[in-house]
């Protein structure tokens, strides 16, 4: 990336890596997000699904920056990780072969052929719903270990919140689904796994990106992780490493109980939501099995509804 940035500067573009920010003496993520805020385009090299880079890429997307993913296609592991994470499968990428000169050329060509108005964020949020009070985005992990079961039970037993994305335990939903759910939530909880667990690397990569997206939208974010998980520097302050499942549940409970209140309300939420009612409040979950408790609330179209539309 250093070589690519140098090549881009040589042709008159303003390009910098995190090393160019001189972040010494500063909180690293603050320096990086400030630099992203000042940029129009972010190039994320994710051949290894680096969790710092993915968090920053999610933040950049939340801020509606032009986001370019790049992978070293000569690495079989890079192609395998890209396919395994799934989240970016419908998004174009820059395929270079470990050569910074080639990457710089691909970035220059992409900037020349695409308009800044062609926002990825706009397209993935085209069908998003309005923010919802007391909705917590908490995607399920792909392996049902004890702590995961206890977290799901703790959230499910709280009658005052609605848990979003809890049924997509395979992580097969498209980016538009996750982004839409985060856009309407009041808070977000991400459960990160021991990377040695089945699909742990892919799950942690996906969660890091989505956490960056939520962070960029100023949604209160809590990340909890098994003790074996080593936190990247970018979101270390957001992460709680637990030794026991009971310890994790207590921490989540305390965190939820201390989320800010909506003025004039006794109900907890993480951020203010618009008070606007629509004739149809929900079109259902991406995972149908997650709807079994809400079948009585399903909407059936009628002639009156058709006339109103």
Protein backbone atom coordinates (compact mmCIF):
# COMPACT_ATOMS: atom_id res chain seq x y z
CA UNK A 1 0.00 0.00 0.00
CA UNK A 2 2.92 2.35 0.65
CA UNK A 3 4.14 1.90 -2.92
CA UNK A 4 0.64 2.41 -4.33
CA UNK A 5 0.17 5.61 -2.31
CA UNK A 6 3.50 6.93 -3.58
CA UNK A 7 2.51 6.19 -7.19
CA UNK A 8 -0.81 7.99 -6.74
CA UNK A 9 0.92 11.04 -5.29
CA UNK A 10 3.29 11.03 -8.25
CA UNK A 11 0.35 11.55 -10.64
CA UNK A 12 -1.06 14.42 -8.59
CA UNK A 13 -3.51 12.63 -6.30
CA UNK A 14 -3.54 13.19 -2.56
CA UNK A 15 -2.95 9.74 -1.06
CA UNK A 16 -1.82 8.67 2.37
CA UNK A 17 -1.63 5.54 4.48
CA UNK A 18 -2.08 5.35 8.24
CA UNK A 19 1.68 5.69 8.64
CA UNK A 20 1.49 9.10 6.98
CA UNK A 21 -0.87 10.38 9.66
CA UNK A 22 1.80 10.55 12.39
CA UNK A 23 -0.63 9.16 14.99
CA UNK A 24 1.93 9.05 17.81
CA UNK A 25 0.54 10.55 20.99
CA UNK A 26 -3.06 10.27 19.70
CA UNK A 27 -5.78 7.67 20.02
CA UNK A 28 -5.17 5.70 16.85
CA UNK A 29 -8.78 5.23 15.75
CA UNK A 30 -9.49 8.95 16.22
CA UNK A 31 -6.61 9.88 13.93
CA UNK A 32 -7.70 7.32 11.33
CA UNK A 33 -11.39 8.24 11.33
CA UNK A 34 -10.48 11.93 11.11
CA UNK A 35 -8.40 11.14 8.02
CA UNK A 36 -11.28 9.13 6.52
CA UNK A 37 -13.64 12.06 7.18
CA UNK A 38 -11.28 14.31 5.21
CA UNK A 39 -11.05 11.91 2.25
CA UNK A 40 -13.38 11.22 -0.65
CA UNK A 41 -12.14 7.68 -1.38
CA UNK A 42 -10.89 4.85 0.81
CA UNK A 43 -8.92 1.89 -0.56
CA UNK A 44 -9.15 -1.12 1.75
CA UNK A 45 -6.59 -3.86 1.12
CA UNK A 46 -8.24 -6.91 2.70
CA UNK A 47 -6.27 -9.87 1.34
CA UNK A 48 -5.85 -11.15 4.90
CA UNK A 49 -9.21 -9.76 6.09
CA UNK A 50 -7.31 -7.53 8.51
CA UNK A 51 -9.82 -6.57 11.20
CA UNK A 52 -8.45 -3.06 11.64
CA UNK A 53 -8.84 -2.37 7.93
CA UNK A 54 -12.32 -3.90 7.86
CA UNK A 55 -13.46 -1.73 10.77
CA UNK A 56 -12.11 1.34 8.97
CA UNK A 57 -13.79 0.26 5.71
CA UNK A 58 -17.13 -0.07 7.51
CA UNK A 59 -16.67 3.40 8.98
CA UNK A 60 -15.85 4.79 5.53
CA UNK A 61 -19.01 3.24 4.08
CA UNK A 62 -21.11 4.74 6.90
CA UNK A 63 -19.70 8.15 5.98
CA UNK A 64 -20.66 7.52 2.33
CA UNK A 65 -17.08 7.54 1.08
CA UNK A 66 -16.20 5.88 -2.20
CA UNK A 67 -14.98 2.49 -0.98
CA UNK A 68 -12.64 0.36 -3.07
CA UNK A 69 -11.78 -3.15 -1.91
CA UNK A 70 -8.48 -4.59 -3.09
CA UNK A 71 -7.07 -8.10 -2.75
CA UNK A 72 -3.89 -9.76 -3.92
CA UNK A 73 -5.47 -12.29 -6.27
CA UNK A 74 -2.22 -14.21 -6.56
CA UNK A 75 -2.83 -15.43 -3.00
CA UNK A 76 -5.14 -18.39 -2.86
CA UNK A 77 -5.83 -17.60 0.80
CA UNK A 78 -7.09 -14.12 -0.17
CA UNK A 79 -9.60 -15.52 -2.65
CA UNK A 80 -10.72 -18.14 -0.15
CA UNK A 81 -11.28 -15.56 2.60
CA UNK A 82 -13.18 -13.26 0.24
CA UNK A 83 -15.52 -16.12 -0.67
CA UNK A 84 -15.81 -17.23 2.96
CA UNK A 85 -16.78 -13.86 4.38
CA UNK A 86 -19.60 -13.62 1.79
CA UNK A 87 -20.54 -10.09 2.85
CA UNK A 88 -18.79 -8.46 -0.12
CA UNK A 89 -19.67 -11.07 -2.74
CA UNK A 90 -21.83 -8.67 -4.78
CA UNK A 91 -19.37 -5.77 -4.59
CA UNK A 92 -16.70 -5.23 -7.21
CA UNK A 93 -13.06 -5.37 -6.14
CA UNK A 94 -9.62 -4.42 -7.42
CA UNK A 95 -7.60 -7.54 -8.19
CA UNK A 96 -3.88 -6.89 -8.16
CA UNK A 97 -1.02 -9.37 -7.89
CA UNK A 98 1.01 -8.10 -4.98
CA UNK A 99 2.39 -5.22 -7.02
CA UNK A 100 1.91 -1.69 -5.68
CA UNK A 101 2.38 -0.18 -9.15
CA UNK A 102 -0.49 -2.30 -10.49
CA UNK A 103 -2.72 -1.37 -7.57
CA UNK A 104 -2.07 2.34 -8.12
CA UNK A 105 -3.04 1.96 -11.79
CA UNK A 106 -6.25 0.14 -10.85
CA UNK A 107 -7.18 2.83 -8.33
CA UNK A 108 -6.50 5.62 -10.84
CA UNK A 109 -8.60 3.88 -13.47
CA UNK A 110 -11.45 3.34 -11.03
CA UNK A 111 -11.45 6.99 -9.99
CA UNK A 112 -11.47 8.06 -13.61
CA UNK A 113 -14.42 5.88 -14.62
CA UNK A 114 -16.72 6.19 -11.60
CA UNK A 115 -18.47 9.21 -10.20
CA UNK A 116 -18.41 10.21 -6.55
CA UNK A 117 -22.20 10.39 -6.77
CA UNK A 118 -22.33 6.65 -7.41
CA UNK A 119 -22.67 5.87 -3.72
CA UNK A 120 -22.54 2.26 -2.55
CA UNK A 121 -24.26 3.40 0.63
CA UNK A 122 -27.22 4.84 -1.26
CA UNK A 123 -27.80 1.60 -3.13
CA UNK A 124 -27.62 -0.71 -0.12
CA UNK A 125 -29.93 1.51 1.94
CA UNK A 126 -32.53 1.95 -0.78
CA UNK A 127 -35.05 -0.23 1.11
CA UNK A 128 -33.97 0.48 4.69
CA UNK A 129 -36.61 1.13 7.34
CA UNK A 130 -36.79 4.04 9.76
CA UNK A 131 -34.83 3.92 13.04
CA UNK A 132 -36.66 1.93 15.68
CA UNK A 133 -36.72 2.47 19.44
CA UNK A 134 -35.23 -0.30 21.56
CA UNK A 135 -34.04 -2.39 18.62
CA UNK A 136 -30.64 -4.00 19.19
CA UNK A 137 -28.60 -5.35 16.30
CA UNK A 138 -26.99 -8.57 17.57
CA UNK A 139 -26.06 -11.07 14.83
CA UNK A 140 -25.72 -14.69 15.89
CA UNK A 141 -22.41 -16.54 15.81
CA UNK A 142 -22.12 -19.56 13.49
CA UNK A 143 -21.17 -21.96 16.32
CA UNK A 144 -23.47 -22.65 19.25
CA UNK A 145 -21.07 -22.62 22.20
CA UNK A 146 -22.29 -21.91 25.75
CA UNK A 147 -21.55 -18.19 25.87
CA UNK A 148 -23.35 -17.66 22.56
CA UNK A 149 -26.43 -19.47 23.81
CA UNK A 150 -26.42 -17.47 27.05
CA UNK A 151 -26.13 -14.15 25.21
CA UNK A 152 -29.00 -15.03 22.88
CA UNK A 153 -31.12 -16.08 25.85
CA UNK A 154 -30.30 -12.90 27.78
CA UNK A 155 -31.30 -10.69 24.85
CA UNK A 156 -34.37 -12.78 24.06
CA UNK A 157 -35.62 -12.58 27.64
CA UNK A 158 -35.58 -8.79 27.61
CA UNK A 159 -39.14 -7.93 26.67
CA UNK A 160 -38.30 -4.25 26.20
CA UNK A 161 -36.01 -4.75 23.18
CA UNK A 162 -36.27 -6.28 19.74
CA UNK A 163 -33.22 -8.22 18.62
CA UNK A 164 -32.27 -7.74 14.97
CA UNK A 165 -30.32 -10.23 12.80
CA UNK A 166 -30.40 -12.89 15.50
CA UNK A 167 -31.53 -15.61 13.10
CA UNK A 168 -28.83 -15.30 10.46
CA UNK A 169 -26.40 -17.71 12.11
CA UNK A 170 -24.78 -18.72 8.82
CA UNK A 171 -23.86 -15.17 7.84
CA UNK A 172 -25.31 -15.60 4.37
CA UNK A 173 -27.39 -12.43 4.28
CA UNK A 174 -26.38 -9.70 1.81
CA UNK A 175 -24.70 -6.48 2.91
CA UNK A 176 -27.92 -4.53 2.21
CA UNK A 177 -29.75 -6.60 4.84
CA UNK A 178 -27.15 -5.99 7.56
CA UNK A 179 -26.81 -2.30 6.72
CA UNK A 180 -30.58 -1.85 6.81
CA UNK A 181 -30.83 -3.53 10.20
CA UNK A 182 -28.01 -1.41 11.64
CA UNK A 183 -29.60 1.73 10.21
CA UNK A 184 -32.80 1.10 12.18
CA UNK A 185 -31.26 -0.15 15.43
CA UNK A 186 -30.69 1.83 18.64
CA UNK A 187 -27.60 -0.12 19.71
CA UNK A 188 -25.38 -2.91 18.39
CA UNK A 189 -23.73 -5.88 20.09
CA UNK A 190 -21.13 -7.99 18.30
CA UNK A 191 -20.00 -11.34 19.67
CA UNK A 192 -16.51 -12.19 18.42
CA UNK A 193 -15.19 -15.74 18.50
CA UNK A 194 -12.01 -17.57 19.28
CA UNK A 195 -10.46 -17.58 15.76
CA UNK A 196 -9.75 -21.31 16.13
CA UNK A 197 -13.47 -22.09 16.16
CA UNK A 198 -15.16 -23.18 12.94
CA UNK A 199 -15.71 -20.14 10.68
CA UNK A 200 -14.27 -17.92 13.41
CA UNK A 201 -12.00 -15.97 11.05
CA UNK A 202 -14.82 -15.23 8.62
CA UNK A 203 -17.29 -14.30 11.38
CA UNK A 204 -14.81 -11.97 13.08
CA UNK A 205 -13.99 -10.27 9.79
CA UNK A 206 -17.66 -9.71 8.99
CA UNK A 207 -18.37 -8.44 12.51
CA UNK A 208 -15.41 -6.04 12.40
CA UNK A 209 -16.72 -4.45 9.20
CA UNK A 210 -20.29 -4.17 10.50
CA UNK A 211 -19.06 -2.73 13.81
CA UNK A 212 -17.22 -0.03 11.86
CA UNK A 213 -20.44 0.70 9.97
CA UNK A 214 -22.38 1.08 13.22
CA UNK A 215 -19.60 3.18 14.76
CA UNK A 216 -19.67 5.50 11.75
CA UNK A 217 -23.40 6.02 12.24
CA UNK A 218 -22.79 6.84 15.91
CA UNK A 219 -24.75 3.82 17.10
CA UNK A 220 -23.62 2.73 20.58
CA UNK A 221 -21.44 -0.34 19.97
CA UNK A 222 -20.43 -3.11 22.36
CA UNK A 223 -18.12 -5.90 21.26
CA UNK A 224 -17.66 -8.96 23.45
CA UNK A 225 -15.13 -11.70 22.75
CA UNK A 226 -13.81 -14.93 24.12
CA UNK A 227 -10.59 -14.60 26.10
CA UNK A 228 -8.55 -16.10 23.23
CA UNK A 229 -9.53 -13.26 20.91
CA UNK A 230 -6.80 -10.63 20.55
CA UNK A 231 -8.38 -7.27 19.84
CA UNK A 232 -7.08 -5.04 17.03
CA UNK A 233 -6.01 -1.57 18.14
CA UNK A 234 -8.82 0.20 16.29
CA UNK A 235 -11.66 -1.06 18.46
CA UNK A 236 -9.90 -2.18 21.62
CA UNK A 237 -11.81 0.43 23.66
CA UNK A 238 -15.12 -0.99 22.42
CA UNK A 239 -14.28 -4.60 23.26
CA UNK A 240 -14.80 -6.63 26.41
CA UNK A 241 -12.85 -9.89 26.67
CA UNK A 242 -14.62 -12.30 28.99
CA UNK A 243 -13.32 -15.34 30.84
CA UNK A 244 -16.71 -16.91 31.60
CA UNK A 245 -20.10 -16.78 29.95
CA UNK A 246 -21.70 -15.46 33.14
CA UNK A 247 -19.19 -12.59 33.25
CA UNK A 248 -20.06 -11.67 29.67
CA UNK A 249 -23.82 -11.71 30.32
CA UNK A 250 -23.41 -9.43 33.35
CA UNK A 251 -21.36 -6.98 31.29
CA UNK A 252 -23.95 -6.94 28.47
CA UNK A 253 -26.75 -6.46 30.98
CA UNK A 254 -24.94 -3.51 32.61
CA UNK A 255 -24.18 -1.96 29.23
CA UNK A 256 -27.78 -2.20 28.03
CA UNK A 257 -29.06 -0.80 31.32
CA UNK A 258 -26.87 2.28 30.93
CA UNK A 259 -27.76 3.24 27.38
CA UNK A 260 -29.09 6.80 27.10
CA UNK A 261 -32.79 7.49 27.52
CA UNK A 262 -35.01 9.20 25.00
CA UNK A 263 -36.12 12.58 26.49
CA UNK A 264 -39.47 12.20 28.25
CA UNK A 265 -39.39 8.41 28.12
CA UNK A 266 -38.49 5.67 30.59
CA UNK A 267 -37.56 3.30 27.77
CA UNK A 268 -33.92 2.70 26.98
CA UNK A 269 -32.39 3.24 23.59
CA UNK A 270 -29.02 4.08 22.19
CA UNK A 271 -29.80 7.04 19.96
CA UNK A 272 -32.76 9.24 19.13
CA UNK A 273 -35.18 7.91 16.53
CA UNK A 274 -37.67 9.74 14.34
CA UNK A 275 -41.25 9.58 15.62
CA UNK A 276 -42.93 8.75 12.34
CA UNK A 277 -45.47 5.97 11.85
CA UNK A 278 -46.00 4.18 8.56
CA UNK A 279 -49.03 2.06 7.55
CA UNK A 280 -46.67 -0.93 7.38
CA UNK A 281 -44.04 -1.05 10.11
CA UNK A 282 -42.23 -4.21 9.00
CA UNK A 283 -41.90 -6.46 6.00
CA UNK A 284 -40.51 -9.33 8.04
CA UNK A 285 -37.10 -10.75 8.83
CA UNK A 286 -34.54 -11.93 6.29
CA UNK A 287 -34.58 -15.30 8.08
CA UNK A 288 -38.17 -16.60 8.07
CA UNK A 289 -37.63 -18.89 11.06
CA UNK A 290 -37.02 -15.81 13.18
CA UNK A 291 -40.63 -14.71 12.67
CA UNK A 292 -42.43 -17.54 14.50
CA UNK A 293 -43.28 -15.35 17.49
CA UNK A 294 -44.74 -12.58 15.32
CA UNK A 295 -47.07 -14.49 12.97
CA UNK A 296 -50.14 -12.96 14.63
CA UNK A 297 -48.86 -9.51 13.66
CA UNK A 298 -48.36 -10.25 9.96
CA UNK A 299 -49.90 -7.83 7.51
CA UNK A 300 -52.24 -9.06 4.77
CA UNK A 301 -52.98 -6.75 1.83
CA UNK A 302 -56.60 -5.68 1.38
CA UNK A 303 -58.48 -3.69 -1.24
CA UNK A 304 -58.50 -0.71 1.13
CA UNK A 305 -54.74 -0.86 1.49
CA UNK A 306 -54.29 -1.03 -2.29
CA UNK A 307 -56.56 1.98 -2.75
CA UNK A 308 -54.61 3.93 -0.13
CA UNK A 309 -51.25 3.19 -1.82
